[in-house]
Amino acid sequence: MNKRTLANNVTIPTLGFGVFQVPNQGAAKQAVFDAIKTGYRLIDTAASYGNEREVGEGIKAVIEEGIVKREDLFITSKLWVHDVTATKAPSAIQDSLDRLQLDYLDLLLIHQPYNDVFGAWKAMEAAYEKGLVKSIGVSNFDNAQITNLSEFNDIKPMVAQIEVNPFCQNIEKVQYMQDYGVQIEAWAPFAEGQHDLFKNELLQSIGDKYNKSVAQIVLRWLYQRDIIPLAKSVKPERMQQNIDVLDFELSDEDMEQIKTLDTNQSQFFDHHDPKMIKWMAGRTIEY
């Protein structure tokens, strides 16, 4: 697995495995186990996903089988809005570590840019200094929000996780953050299959040239934009396919053609919508 180097010299795998909406009752544990066995080393979860315990069990099982060592893995989790305060963040970080059965996280993100972001960031800086987290960052922040956080704190976010897929390419946002020295990760790289992405004629025609699937074309497109995609699947054969994207290269023409699919809109919801902020504030999570 290739790696990129973050601003603090921590290395991060170029392809990641996400577990959003992967249920418990054994599915999340098995998915994590299969993903790591397939070759994934970056596992992305969050407190709000409600599956940290099973993710931790999958990590523990794969280490116990001798497939990898803990230091081979890059484990990410995120603080949900309820815990984004100076007083709640420290215990929330430890709670995530306990659920995952880990001594440290490789990356901790603020999941949404709401509540006491500055207070939580100070707690994350403290956890970083203690070695409880190896790198810190944000998720779903826009350019102004990440700049505000960066310019008035000691440590700038090393990673920003945002929506990036063929229908929401976030070209300007990605370029700004990359120029600002922040590594971009893409959630929902397949737009959860919206607009029949996996049957898209343009992406399929590009895939036919390289004998690759639409999913592989999307992941390679992100890779060539220096973005780390977080793919999700519970099927080992799909996991293998999704990680097999480093043996070909899209042409400049291919990259330009894919640009034509951009709608310049989120395929899910507007993070600036007050209704969504109220929904997040009132959400209850079962850990």
Foldseek 3Di string as FASTA:
>chain_A
DDWDAWPVRDIDDQAAAECQPQDDPQLLLLLLLLLVLLPHQEYEEEVQSQCLLSNLNNVVVNVVVVVDHPVSHAYEYEDAQVQQALVRLLVVLVVSCVSSVHQAHQEYEHEALDDNNLSNVVSVVVCCVVRNYVFYAYEPDFPVSQVVSQVPDDDRHREYEYADELAAHPVVRLVSCVVVRHAYEHEPHQLVCPPVQQPDPLLVVQCVVVVAGSLLSSCLLCVVSRYHYHDYDSDSVVSNRNVPNPPDHDDPVSNVVSNVNYPNDRSPDDSVDVVVVVCSVPDDGND
